[in-house]
N, C-alpha and C. Protein backbone atom coordinates (compact mmCIF):
# COMPACT_ATOMS: atom_id res chain seq x y z
N MET A 1 54.07 -53.95 5.08
CA MET A 1 53.85 -53.09 3.46
C MET A 1 52.83 -52.30 3.46
N ARG A 2 53.80 -51.06 2.02
CA ARG A 2 52.89 -49.93 1.84
C ARG A 2 52.80 -50.16 0.79
N LEU A 3 51.49 -49.68 0.78
CA LEU A 3 50.52 -50.12 -1.21
C LEU A 3 50.93 -48.82 -1.52
N PRO A 4 50.67 -49.27 -2.98
CA PRO A 4 51.15 -48.01 -3.77
C PRO A 4 50.05 -46.91 -4.08
N LYS A 5 50.14 -45.69 -3.97
CA LYS A 5 49.40 -44.57 -3.66
C LYS A 5 48.01 -45.01 -4.58
N SER A 6 47.95 -45.47 -5.58
CA SER A 6 46.85 -45.98 -6.98
C SER A 6 46.17 -46.55 -6.45
N TRP A 7 46.56 -47.82 -5.63
CA TRP A 7 45.64 -48.52 -5.09
C TRP A 7 45.12 -48.02 -3.78
N LEU A 8 45.77 -46.72 -2.90
CA LEU A 8 45.03 -46.39 -1.78
C LEU A 8 43.85 -45.23 -2.76
N VAL A 9 44.37 -44.54 -3.32
CA VAL A 9 42.84 -43.36 -4.23
C VAL A 9 41.77 -45.00 -4.78
N ALA A 10 42.32 -45.84 -5.19
CA ALA A 10 41.56 -46.45 -5.83
C ALA A 10 40.45 -46.71 -4.87
N ALA A 11 41.10 -47.59 -3.43
CA ALA A 11 40.31 -47.92 -2.28
C ALA A 11 39.71 -46.95 -2.21
N LEU A 12 39.46 -45.76 -2.25
CA LEU A 12 39.04 -44.78 -1.22
C LEU A 12 37.91 -44.21 -2.24
N GLY A 13 38.22 -44.67 -3.52
CA GLY A 13 36.89 -44.19 -4.58
C GLY A 13 35.80 -45.11 -4.26
N LEU A 14 36.22 -46.58 -3.99
CA LEU A 14 35.04 -47.67 -3.70
C LEU A 14 34.61 -47.50 -2.66
N ALA A 15 35.28 -47.32 -2.29
CA ALA A 15 34.43 -47.32 -0.66
C ALA A 15 33.81 -45.62 -0.46
N ALA A 16 34.01 -44.75 -0.92
CA ALA A 16 32.77 -43.60 -1.48
C ALA A 16 31.93 -43.74 -2.16
N MET A 17 32.24 -44.77 -3.43
CA MET A 17 31.25 -45.40 -3.98
C MET A 17 30.31 -46.14 -2.89
N ALA A 18 30.64 -46.92 -2.19
CA ALA A 18 29.64 -47.44 -1.59
C ALA A 18 29.09 -46.63 -0.53
N VAL A 19 29.68 -45.64 -0.34
CA VAL A 19 28.65 -44.87 0.46
C VAL A 19 27.50 -44.20 -0.27
N LEU A 20 27.65 -44.12 -1.60
CA LEU A 20 27.09 -43.29 -2.49
C LEU A 20 25.90 -44.75 -2.91
N GLU A 21 26.09 -45.08 -3.42
CA GLU A 21 24.95 -46.37 -3.11
C GLU A 21 24.23 -46.48 -1.79
N ALA A 22 24.82 -46.77 -1.18
CA ALA A 22 23.36 -46.44 0.16
C ALA A 22 22.71 -44.88 0.28
N LYS A 23 23.09 -44.30 -0.07
CA LYS A 23 22.48 -42.98 -0.07
C LYS A 23 21.50 -42.91 -1.62
N SER A 24 21.97 -43.08 -2.39
CA SER A 24 21.17 -43.65 -3.71
C SER A 24 19.93 -44.17 -3.56
N ALA A 25 19.91 -44.89 -2.46
CA ALA A 25 19.16 -46.19 -2.32
C ALA A 25 17.68 -45.16 -1.56
N LEU A 26 18.08 -44.18 -1.21
CA LEU A 26 16.97 -42.94 -0.16
C LEU A 26 16.62 -42.66 -1.43
N ARG A 27 16.00 -43.12 -2.24
CA ARG A 27 15.58 -42.08 -2.87
C ARG A 27 13.77 -41.87 -3.31
N ASP A 28 13.35 -42.81 -2.56
CA ASP A 28 11.96 -43.36 -2.13
C ASP A 28 12.49 -42.54 -0.56
N SER A 29 12.84 -42.26 -0.19
CA SER A 29 13.08 -41.81 1.90
C SER A 29 12.06 -40.65 2.09
N ASN A 30 12.41 -39.66 3.48
CA ASN A 30 11.58 -39.03 3.62
C ASN A 30 12.16 -37.76 3.63
N VAL A 31 13.69 -37.38 2.42
CA VAL A 31 14.20 -36.36 1.83
C VAL A 31 13.53 -35.33 1.92
N GLU A 32 13.02 -34.84 1.85
CA GLU A 32 12.37 -33.29 1.33
C GLU A 32 12.70 -32.40 0.27
N LEU A 33 12.11 -31.74 -0.32
CA LEU A 33 12.18 -31.68 -1.49
C LEU A 33 11.15 -30.33 -1.62
N ASN A 34 12.15 -28.74 -1.45
CA ASN A 34 10.91 -27.52 -0.67
C ASN A 34 12.38 -26.51 -1.75
N GLY A 35 11.08 -25.93 -2.96
CA GLY A 35 11.64 -24.71 -3.61
C GLY A 35 10.95 -24.01 -4.68
N PRO A 36 11.58 -23.32 -5.39
CA PRO A 36 10.43 -23.03 -6.66
C PRO A 36 10.24 -24.11 -7.41
N SER A 37 9.93 -24.06 -8.75
CA SER A 37 10.09 -24.75 -9.68
C SER A 37 10.75 -23.73 -10.45
N PHE A 38 11.22 -24.33 -11.26
CA PHE A 38 12.30 -24.01 -12.67
C PHE A 38 12.17 -24.24 -14.01
N PRO A 39 12.16 -23.89 -14.83
CA PRO A 39 11.77 -24.61 -16.17
C PRO A 39 13.27 -24.76 -17.05
N VAL A 40 12.95 -25.92 -17.69
CA VAL A 40 14.77 -26.54 -18.50
C VAL A 40 14.17 -26.93 -19.41
N GLY A 41 14.14 -26.35 -20.96
CA GLY A 41 13.76 -26.75 -22.03
C GLY A 41 12.03 -26.62 -21.89
N ASN A 42 11.66 -28.10 -22.45
CA ASN A 42 9.95 -27.57 -21.61
C ASN A 42 10.12 -28.76 -20.86
N LEU A 43 10.86 -29.23 -19.33
CA LEU A 43 9.83 -29.33 -18.38
C LEU A 43 10.64 -28.52 -17.72
N THR A 44 10.01 -28.98 -16.39
CA THR A 44 9.84 -28.07 -14.87
C THR A 44 10.74 -29.14 -14.17
N PHE A 45 11.60 -28.73 -13.03
CA PHE A 45 11.93 -29.52 -11.57
C PHE A 45 11.94 -27.96 -10.74
N THR A 46 11.76 -28.54 -9.64
CA THR A 46 11.96 -28.28 -8.31
C THR A 46 13.06 -27.98 -7.58
N ILE A 47 14.19 -27.18 -7.85
CA ILE A 47 14.86 -26.81 -7.38
C ILE A 47 14.87 -26.53 -5.37
N PRO A 48 15.68 -27.44 -5.06
CA PRO A 48 15.82 -27.02 -3.51
C PRO A 48 16.25 -26.06 -2.94
N SER A 49 15.54 -24.97 -2.17
CA SER A 49 15.29 -24.00 -1.41
C SER A 49 16.84 -23.69 -1.07
N ARG A 50 17.69 -24.34 -0.78
CA ARG A 50 19.54 -23.75 -0.31
C ARG A 50 20.18 -23.86 -1.19
N TRP A 51 19.65 -23.95 -2.12
CA TRP A 51 20.58 -23.81 -3.63
C TRP A 51 20.92 -22.29 -4.55
N GLN A 52 21.55 -21.55 -4.47
CA GLN A 52 21.98 -20.30 -4.68
C GLN A 52 21.57 -20.23 -6.61
N ILE A 53 20.34 -20.03 -6.82
CA ILE A 53 21.09 -19.47 -8.05
C ILE A 53 21.60 -18.50 -8.59
N GLU A 54 22.53 -18.81 -10.03
CA GLU A 54 23.79 -18.27 -10.25
C GLU A 54 23.50 -17.57 -12.08
N ALA A 55 24.01 -16.50 -12.51
CA ALA A 55 23.76 -16.21 -13.31
C ALA A 55 24.73 -17.06 -14.24
N VAL A 56 24.09 -17.80 -15.91
CA VAL A 56 24.43 -18.41 -16.48
C VAL A 56 25.36 -17.82 -17.21
N ASP A 57 26.44 -18.36 -17.99
CA ASP A 57 27.63 -18.11 -18.65
C ASP A 57 27.70 -18.88 -20.34
N GLY A 58 26.34 -19.07 -20.74
CA GLY A 58 26.20 -19.50 -22.20
C GLY A 58 24.45 -19.46 -22.66
N PRO A 59 24.33 -19.93 -23.31
CA PRO A 59 23.33 -19.95 -24.20
C PRO A 59 22.32 -21.54 -23.79
N ALA A 60 23.25 -22.26 -23.74
CA ALA A 60 22.74 -23.86 -23.73
C ALA A 60 23.03 -24.30 -21.90
N ARG A 61 23.08 -23.53 -21.29
CA ARG A 61 23.26 -23.87 -20.08
C ARG A 61 21.74 -22.87 -19.47
N GLY A 62 21.22 -24.22 -18.86
CA GLY A 62 19.53 -23.94 -18.26
C GLY A 62 19.35 -23.50 -17.81
N GLY A 63 20.47 -23.24 -16.62
CA GLY A 63 20.06 -22.95 -15.54
C GLY A 63 21.79 -23.16 -14.16
N GLN A 64 21.80 -22.46 -13.82
CA GLN A 64 23.37 -22.85 -12.76
C GLN A 64 22.64 -22.08 -11.16
N TRP A 65 23.42 -23.45 -10.45
CA TRP A 65 23.02 -22.94 -8.68
C TRP A 65 24.29 -23.57 -8.19
N ARG A 66 24.67 -22.83 -6.88
CA ARG A 66 25.63 -22.82 -5.76
C ARG A 66 25.17 -23.58 -5.29
N VAL A 67 25.61 -24.62 -4.83
CA VAL A 67 25.27 -25.62 -3.11
C VAL A 67 25.86 -25.44 -2.02
N PRO A 68 25.71 -24.69 -1.71
CA PRO A 68 26.67 -24.16 -0.21
C PRO A 68 27.32 -25.23 0.30
N PRO A 69 28.47 -25.29 0.88
CA PRO A 69 29.04 -26.10 1.62
C PRO A 69 28.65 -26.80 2.71
N LEU A 70 29.17 -27.98 2.71
CA LEU A 70 28.84 -28.64 4.53
C LEU A 70 29.22 -27.67 5.95
N ASN A 71 28.02 -27.81 6.43
CA ASN A 71 28.57 -26.66 7.98
C ASN A 71 29.43 -25.21 7.31
N GLY A 72 29.25 -24.88 6.62
CA GLY A 72 29.19 -23.54 5.89
C GLY A 72 30.38 -23.17 6.35
N THR A 73 31.95 -24.49 5.55
CA THR A 73 32.47 -24.73 5.81
C THR A 73 33.59 -25.60 4.30
N GLY A 74 34.56 -25.26 3.70
CA GLY A 74 35.31 -25.57 2.21
C GLY A 74 34.38 -25.21 1.04
N ASP A 75 35.02 -25.86 0.13
CA ASP A 75 34.24 -25.57 -1.52
C ASP A 75 32.47 -26.09 -1.38
N ALA A 76 32.06 -24.84 -1.83
CA ALA A 76 30.48 -25.24 -2.84
C ALA A 76 30.70 -26.12 -3.61
N GLY A 77 29.56 -26.45 -4.15
CA GLY A 77 29.17 -27.17 -5.01
C GLY A 77 28.57 -26.43 -6.60
N GLU A 78 28.55 -26.74 -7.46
CA GLU A 78 27.75 -25.98 -8.41
C GLU A 78 27.30 -27.31 -9.77
N VAL A 79 25.97 -26.50 -9.62
CA VAL A 79 25.08 -27.94 -10.36
C VAL A 79 24.36 -26.76 -11.65
N VAL A 80 24.12 -27.38 -13.09
CA VAL A 80 24.67 -27.26 -14.04
C VAL A 80 23.45 -27.47 -14.83
N ALA A 81 23.22 -27.70 -15.82
CA ALA A 81 21.37 -28.00 -16.19
C ALA A 81 21.63 -27.51 -17.40
N TYR A 82 21.92 -28.22 -18.92
CA TYR A 82 22.29 -28.17 -19.85
C TYR A 82 21.14 -28.25 -20.97
N PHE A 83 20.35 -27.29 -21.66
CA PHE A 83 19.42 -27.92 -22.83
C PHE A 83 19.90 -26.96 -23.98
N PHE A 84 19.98 -28.20 -25.25
CA PHE A 84 20.24 -27.85 -26.65
C PHE A 84 19.70 -27.79 -27.40
N GLY A 85 18.64 -28.17 -27.53
CA GLY A 85 17.32 -28.20 -28.20
C GLY A 85 17.41 -29.70 -28.85
N GLN A 86 16.44 -29.80 -29.60
CA GLN A 86 15.66 -31.13 -30.02
C GLN A 86 17.00 -31.89 -31.01
N GLY A 87 17.82 -33.32 -30.85
CA GLY A 87 18.63 -33.30 -31.07
C GLY A 87 20.12 -32.90 -30.90
N ALA A 88 19.84 -32.46 -30.23
CA ALA A 88 21.45 -31.69 -30.41
C ALA A 88 21.98 -32.33 -28.60
N GLY A 89 23.38 -32.32 -28.87
CA GLY A 89 23.89 -32.20 -27.24
C GLY A 89 24.20 -33.93 -26.99
N GLY A 90 24.01 -34.63 -27.90
CA GLY A 90 24.78 -36.11 -27.87
C GLY A 90 24.13 -36.80 -27.05
N SER A 91 24.30 -38.49 -27.34
CA SER A 91 23.79 -39.37 -26.60
C SER A 91 24.14 -39.19 -25.13
N PRO A 92 23.35 -40.13 -24.43
CA PRO A 92 23.67 -39.86 -22.34
C PRO A 92 25.20 -40.69 -22.52
N GLN A 93 25.22 -41.68 -22.91
CA GLN A 93 26.80 -42.26 -23.44
C GLN A 93 27.98 -41.01 -23.47
N GLU A 94 27.61 -40.47 -24.89
CA GLU A 94 28.40 -39.71 -25.38
C GLU A 94 29.20 -38.90 -24.19
N ASN A 95 28.04 -38.36 -23.41
CA ASN A 95 28.23 -37.32 -22.47
C ASN A 95 28.48 -38.09 -20.76
N ILE A 96 28.29 -39.27 -20.64
CA ILE A 96 29.02 -39.59 -19.50
C ILE A 96 30.26 -39.81 -19.79
N GLU A 97 30.89 -40.26 -21.03
CA GLU A 97 32.18 -40.87 -21.34
C GLU A 97 33.11 -39.27 -21.36
N ALA A 98 32.14 -38.07 -21.96
CA ALA A 98 32.56 -36.80 -21.73
C ALA A 98 33.16 -36.69 -20.10
N TRP A 99 32.24 -36.94 -19.22
CA TRP A 99 32.18 -36.42 -18.41
C TRP A 99 33.62 -37.12 -17.32
N ILE A 100 33.30 -38.45 -17.74
CA ILE A 100 34.60 -39.61 -16.94
C ILE A 100 35.83 -38.55 -17.29
N GLY A 101 36.00 -38.09 -18.78
CA GLY A 101 37.20 -37.63 -19.15
C GLY A 101 37.60 -36.38 -18.50
N THR A 102 37.19 -35.92 -17.47
CA THR A 102 37.49 -34.21 -17.35
C THR A 102 37.52 -34.46 -15.54
N MET A 103 37.70 -35.98 -15.22
CA MET A 103 38.37 -36.73 -13.72
C MET A 103 39.36 -37.75 -14.03
N PHE A 104 40.04 -37.47 -12.75
CA PHE A 104 41.45 -37.90 -13.16
C PHE A 104 41.99 -38.19 -11.75
N SER A 105 42.62 -39.75 -11.80
CA SER A 105 43.05 -40.26 -10.26
C SER A 105 44.57 -40.33 -10.93
N ALA A 106 45.20 -41.13 -9.78
CA ALA A 106 46.87 -41.19 -9.31
C ALA A 106 47.31 -42.15 -10.94
N ASP A 107 46.20 -42.71 -10.90
CA ASP A 107 46.48 -44.04 -12.29
C ASP A 107 46.15 -43.23 -13.27
N GLY A 108 45.63 -42.60 -13.72
CA GLY A 108 44.76 -42.12 -14.66
C GLY A 108 43.42 -42.63 -15.05
N HIS A 109 42.58 -42.92 -14.29
CA HIS A 109 41.78 -44.27 -14.41
C HIS A 109 40.40 -43.33 -12.57
N PRO A 110 39.67 -42.60 -13.21
CA PRO A 110 38.82 -42.65 -12.16
C PRO A 110 38.32 -44.20 -11.70
N ALA A 111 37.54 -44.01 -10.36
CA ALA A 111 36.29 -44.89 -10.54
C ALA A 111 35.12 -44.40 -10.46
N ASP A 112 34.46 -45.18 -11.48
CA ASP A 112 33.28 -44.54 -11.70
C ASP A 112 31.85 -45.64 -11.48
N LYS A 113 30.71 -45.08 -11.13
CA LYS A 113 29.55 -45.98 -10.98
C LYS A 113 28.56 -45.40 -12.17
N GLN A 114 27.82 -46.24 -12.93
CA GLN A 114 26.73 -45.62 -13.26
C GLN A 114 25.60 -46.52 -13.48
N TRP A 115 24.16 -46.21 -13.42
CA TRP A 115 23.51 -46.70 -13.83
C TRP A 115 21.92 -46.29 -14.14
N GLN A 116 20.51 -46.63 -14.83
CA GLN A 116 19.84 -45.89 -15.21
C GLN A 116 18.33 -46.66 -14.73
N TYR A 117 17.70 -45.39 -14.47
CA TYR A 117 16.39 -45.53 -13.94
C TYR A 117 15.15 -44.56 -14.53
N LYS A 118 13.97 -44.66 -14.23
CA LYS A 118 13.00 -43.71 -15.14
C LYS A 118 12.22 -42.78 -13.70
N ALA A 119 12.12 -41.64 -14.59
CA ALA A 119 11.60 -40.12 -13.68
C ALA A 119 10.62 -39.93 -14.30
N GLY A 120 9.83 -39.53 -13.54
CA GLY A 120 8.46 -38.63 -14.72
C GLY A 120 7.83 -39.45 -15.83
N GLY A 121 8.52 -41.17 -15.96
CA GLY A 121 8.08 -41.48 -17.24
C GLY A 121 9.30 -41.16 -17.84
N PHE A 122 10.37 -40.42 -18.15
CA PHE A 122 11.43 -39.90 -18.93
C PHE A 122 12.85 -41.29 -18.02
N GLN A 123 13.41 -41.50 -19.17
CA GLN A 123 14.59 -42.40 -19.34
C GLN A 123 15.47 -41.66 -18.43
N VAL A 124 16.36 -41.89 -17.55
CA VAL A 124 18.06 -41.24 -16.93
C VAL A 124 18.62 -42.36 -16.50
N SER A 125 19.89 -41.75 -17.40
CA SER A 125 21.03 -42.42 -17.08
C SER A 125 22.28 -41.31 -16.35
N GLN A 126 22.20 -42.23 -15.14
CA GLN A 126 23.24 -41.13 -14.05
C GLN A 126 24.62 -41.87 -14.03
N VAL A 127 26.48 -40.64 -14.12
CA VAL A 127 27.34 -41.64 -13.77
C VAL A 127 27.57 -40.61 -12.21
N VAL A 128 28.44 -41.43 -11.50
CA VAL A 128 29.00 -40.40 -10.31
C VAL A 128 30.43 -40.81 -10.46
N ILE A 129 31.49 -40.54 -10.44
CA ILE A 129 32.97 -40.34 -10.27
C ILE A 129 33.71 -39.64 -9.77
N PHE A 130 34.38 -40.41 -9.09
CA PHE A 130 35.51 -39.28 -7.87
C PHE A 130 37.06 -39.52 -8.74
N GLY A 131 37.08 -38.76 -8.04
CA GLY A 131 38.70 -37.80 -8.28
C GLY A 131 39.58 -36.89 -8.26
N THR A 132 40.12 -36.41 -9.11
CA THR A 132 40.73 -35.01 -9.45
C THR A 132 39.59 -34.58 -10.71
N TYR A 133 39.39 -33.24 -10.32
CA TYR A 133 38.24 -32.57 -11.75
C TYR A 133 39.31 -31.12 -11.96
N ASN A 134 38.79 -31.21 -13.74
CA ASN A 134 39.65 -30.53 -14.01
C ASN A 134 38.36 -29.68 -14.61
N GLN A 135 38.38 -28.07 -13.83
CA GLN A 135 37.35 -27.79 -14.44
C GLN A 135 37.74 -26.81 -15.53
N VAL A 136 37.21 -26.47 -16.98
CA VAL A 136 38.10 -25.69 -18.16
C VAL A 136 37.57 -23.93 -17.18
N VAL A 137 38.74 -23.74 -17.29
CA VAL A 137 38.54 -22.02 -17.93
C VAL A 137 37.90 -21.69 -18.48
N ALA A 138 36.80 -20.51 -18.98
CA ALA A 138 36.34 -20.15 -19.81
C ALA A 138 37.32 -19.05 -20.72
N SER A 139 38.31 -18.32 -19.79
CA SER A 139 39.41 -17.45 -20.50
C SER A 139 40.42 -18.03 -21.34
N PRO A 140 40.77 -17.68 -22.38
CA PRO A 140 41.83 -18.16 -23.24
C PRO A 140 43.09 -18.25 -22.39
N GLY A 141 43.91 -19.41 -22.93
CA GLY A 141 45.25 -19.13 -22.35
C GLY A 141 45.48 -20.07 -20.63
N ILE A 142 44.34 -19.60 -19.81
CA ILE A 142 44.24 -20.11 -18.05
C ILE A 142 44.12 -21.35 -18.56
N PRO A 143 44.53 -22.22 -18.02
CA PRO A 143 44.76 -24.18 -18.20
C PRO A 143 43.60 -24.32 -16.80
N PRO A 144 43.28 -25.87 -16.81
CA PRO A 144 42.13 -25.97 -15.82
C PRO A 144 42.60 -25.73 -14.93
N LEU A 145 41.23 -25.49 -13.95
CA LEU A 145 41.83 -25.14 -12.75
C LEU A 145 41.25 -27.28 -11.59
N ARG A 146 41.96 -27.36 -10.99
CA ARG A 146 42.23 -28.97 -10.70
C ARG A 146 42.11 -28.62 -9.03
N HIS A 147 40.75 -29.87 -8.81
CA HIS A 147 40.23 -29.60 -7.65
C HIS A 147 40.64 -31.54 -6.69
N PRO A 148 41.47 -31.33 -5.93
CA PRO A 148 41.22 -33.01 -6.00
C PRO A 148 39.64 -33.38 -4.94
N ASN A 149 39.65 -34.84 -5.04
CA ASN A 149 39.00 -35.54 -4.04
C ASN A 149 37.29 -34.83 -3.70
N TYR A 150 37.44 -34.62 -5.34
CA TYR A 150 36.08 -34.35 -5.76
C TYR A 150 34.94 -35.47 -6.20
N VAL A 151 33.90 -35.24 -7.08
CA VAL A 151 32.69 -36.15 -7.52
C VAL A 151 32.33 -35.41 -8.76
N LEU A 152 31.77 -35.83 -9.63
CA LEU A 152 31.56 -35.19 -10.49
C LEU A 152 30.24 -35.99 -10.67
N LEU A 153 29.34 -35.89 -10.66
CA LEU A 153 27.84 -36.27 -10.52
C LEU A 153 27.28 -35.78 -11.80
N GLY A 154 26.32 -36.72 -12.56
CA GLY A 154 26.33 -36.04 -14.32
C GLY A 154 25.00 -37.29 -14.46
N THR A 155 23.72 -36.58 -15.30
CA THR A 155 22.55 -37.16 -15.35
C THR A 155 22.28 -37.09 -16.34
N VAL A 156 21.61 -37.79 -17.13
CA VAL A 156 20.66 -37.00 -18.70
C VAL A 156 19.70 -37.43 -18.43
N LEU A 157 18.50 -37.00 -18.90
CA LEU A 157 17.08 -36.98 -18.61
C LEU A 157 16.93 -36.89 -20.13
N GLU A 158 16.29 -38.36 -20.64
CA GLU A 158 16.02 -38.45 -22.34
C GLU A 158 14.30 -37.40 -22.45
N ASN A 159 14.37 -37.13 -23.82
CA ASN A 159 13.48 -35.92 -23.62
C ASN A 159 13.18 -36.31 -25.43
N PRO A 160 11.87 -36.15 -25.54
CA PRO A 160 11.65 -36.17 -27.01
C PRO A 160 12.19 -34.49 -27.62
N ALA A 161 11.94 -33.76 -26.61
CA ALA A 161 12.18 -32.12 -27.21
C ALA A 161 13.68 -31.48 -27.49
N GLY A 162 14.21 -32.45 -26.90
CA GLY A 162 15.77 -32.52 -26.51
C GLY A 162 15.95 -32.27 -25.18
N ASN A 163 17.32 -33.94 -24.81
CA ASN A 163 17.53 -34.11 -23.85
C ASN A 163 18.42 -32.85 -22.60
N ILE A 164 17.92 -33.83 -21.71
CA ILE A 164 18.62 -32.56 -20.59
C ILE A 164 19.78 -32.97 -19.69
N TYR A 165 20.68 -32.11 -19.47
CA TYR A 165 21.72 -32.57 -18.99
C TYR A 165 22.47 -31.79 -18.06
N TRP A 166 22.75 -32.61 -16.73
CA TRP A 166 22.90 -32.62 -15.26
C TRP A 166 23.67 -32.75 -15.21
N ARG A 167 24.69 -31.51 -14.19
CA ARG A 167 26.16 -31.54 -13.72
C ARG A 167 26.40 -31.40 -12.59
N PHE A 168 26.66 -32.24 -11.58
CA PHE A 168 26.96 -31.49 -9.93
C PHE A 168 27.92 -32.10 -9.87
N THR A 169 29.56 -30.50 -9.24
CA THR A 169 30.44 -30.99 -8.74
C THR A 169 30.94 -30.66 -7.60
N GLY A 170 31.64 -30.92 -7.02
CA GLY A 170 32.26 -30.24 -5.82
C GLY A 170 32.53 -31.67 -4.79
N PRO A 171 33.10 -30.96 -3.68
CA PRO A 171 33.98 -31.84 -2.77
C PRO A 171 33.12 -33.29 -2.95
N GLU A 172 33.81 -34.11 -2.33
CA GLU A 172 32.97 -35.69 -2.09
C GLU A 172 32.23 -35.52 -0.64
N PRO A 173 32.30 -35.42 0.33
CA PRO A 173 31.56 -35.06 1.12
C PRO A 173 30.01 -34.55 0.86
N LEU A 174 30.28 -33.83 0.29
CA LEU A 174 29.00 -32.36 -0.26
C LEU A 174 28.22 -33.13 -1.13
N VAL A 175 28.82 -34.11 -2.11
CA VAL A 175 28.05 -34.48 -3.32
C VAL A 175 27.19 -35.28 -2.92
N THR A 176 27.96 -36.32 -1.97
CA THR A 176 27.59 -37.73 -1.30
C THR A 176 26.53 -37.29 -0.57
N ALA A 177 26.45 -36.28 0.84
CA ALA A 177 25.31 -36.04 1.37
C ALA A 177 24.05 -35.42 0.38
N THR A 178 25.02 -34.62 -0.68
CA THR A 178 23.26 -33.87 -1.39
C THR A 178 22.55 -35.04 -2.42
N LEU A 179 23.27 -35.80 -2.50
CA LEU A 179 22.80 -37.14 -3.71
C LEU A 179 20.92 -37.15 -3.52
N PRO A 180 20.88 -37.84 -2.26
CA PRO A 180 19.02 -38.02 -2.00
C PRO A 180 18.26 -36.71 -2.56
N LEU A 181 18.70 -35.81 -2.09
CA LEU A 181 18.00 -34.18 -2.51
C LEU A 181 18.19 -34.14 -4.25
N PHE A 182 19.35 -34.36 -4.55
CA PHE A 182 19.20 -33.93 -5.95
C PHE A 182 18.64 -34.95 -6.89
N ASN A 183 18.56 -36.52 -6.15
CA ASN A 183 17.68 -37.27 -7.26
C ASN A 183 16.53 -36.80 -7.01
N LYS A 184 16.07 -35.83 -6.06
CA LYS A 184 14.51 -35.80 -5.22
C LYS A 184 14.27 -34.90 -6.42
N MET A 185 15.46 -33.92 -7.03
CA MET A 185 15.03 -33.11 -8.16
C MET A 185 14.40 -33.77 -9.31
N ILE A 186 15.67 -34.15 -9.29
CA ILE A 186 15.14 -35.08 -11.00
C ILE A 186 13.90 -35.80 -10.80
N ASP A 187 13.50 -36.27 -9.79
CA ASP A 187 12.45 -37.18 -9.41
C ASP A 187 11.48 -35.88 -9.92
N SER A 188 11.37 -34.82 -10.02
CA SER A 188 10.40 -33.83 -9.59
C SER A 188 10.08 -33.23 -11.31
N VAL A 189 10.63 -33.81 -12.52
CA VAL A 189 10.68 -33.70 -13.70
C VAL A 189 8.36 -33.61 -13.94
N LYS A 190 8.49 -32.61 -14.43
CA LYS A 190 6.91 -32.33 -15.36
C LYS A 190 7.18 -31.50 -16.61
N ALA A 191 6.35 -31.68 -17.07
CA ALA A 191 5.90 -31.46 -18.37
C ALA A 191 5.76 -30.18 -18.20
N GLN A 192 6.28 -28.73 -19.52
CA GLN A 192 5.34 -27.50 -19.26
C GLN A 192 5.19 -27.37 -20.38
N GLY A 193 5.55 -26.04 -21.22
CA GLY A 193 4.74 -25.80 -22.65
C GLY A 193 5.82 -26.48 -23.79
N THR A 194 6.13 -25.03 -24.61
CA THR A 194 6.54 -25.50 -25.61
C THR A 194 8.36 -25.11 -25.16
N PRO A 195 9.49 -25.92 -25.82
CA PRO A 195 10.55 -26.16 -25.67
C PRO A 195 10.98 -24.69 -26.49
N HIS A 196 12.53 -23.77 -25.55
CA HIS A 196 12.18 -23.37 -26.50
C HIS A 196 14.39 -23.20 -26.04
N PRO A 197 14.90 -23.89 -27.44
CA PRO A 197 16.09 -24.11 -27.65
C PRO A 197 16.98 -23.23 -27.41
N PRO A 198 18.59 -22.95 -27.50
CA PRO A 198 18.96 -21.43 -27.14
C PRO A 198 19.31 -20.95 -27.64
N SER A 199 19.45 -19.99 -27.98
CA SER A 199 19.45 -19.30 -29.60
C SER A 199 21.10 -18.94 -30.01
N PRO A 200 21.28 -19.61 -31.77
CA PRO A 200 22.59 -19.35 -31.97
C PRO A 200 23.46 -18.74 -31.14
């Protein structure tokens, strides 16, 4: 008997989610985090040394990095940190729903998993979504770029001076393999000086 394609996509998403949950258990493992300290708002994070910093294309982007592809082949990943300032940017759940809205599956309902934890005394909400990523293009009139078999890993760090939003997108094998290192980066959060919200 041949299963409908939507069942197959759902099964693949659940299998990948099981792998991801197993990897998320490595948060306190011996995954090494080496790299420069980078400020986002009034906080700093240790950025993995292999990630390549890129120029940001908007004032709300606190930082942007290219994550090299596995084994040097395939698509690279993209990590973006957003900081809108105190009271701006929306709640964790609002952003999670918005991230889910950028991902699609064969039946229109991508598999996702959500959880919460503490990092450096800050509340963190995280979502991982499997499916086809619709990447919005800044140029007017150009439709979103579709990336099948992608994962979007969204993280909101609740901060009194302004929430910080992290979005990691890339091929499923790259994102699942990088999750322990990504979470080490989130766990490296430390307070610095006065926040600098984006210019209007």
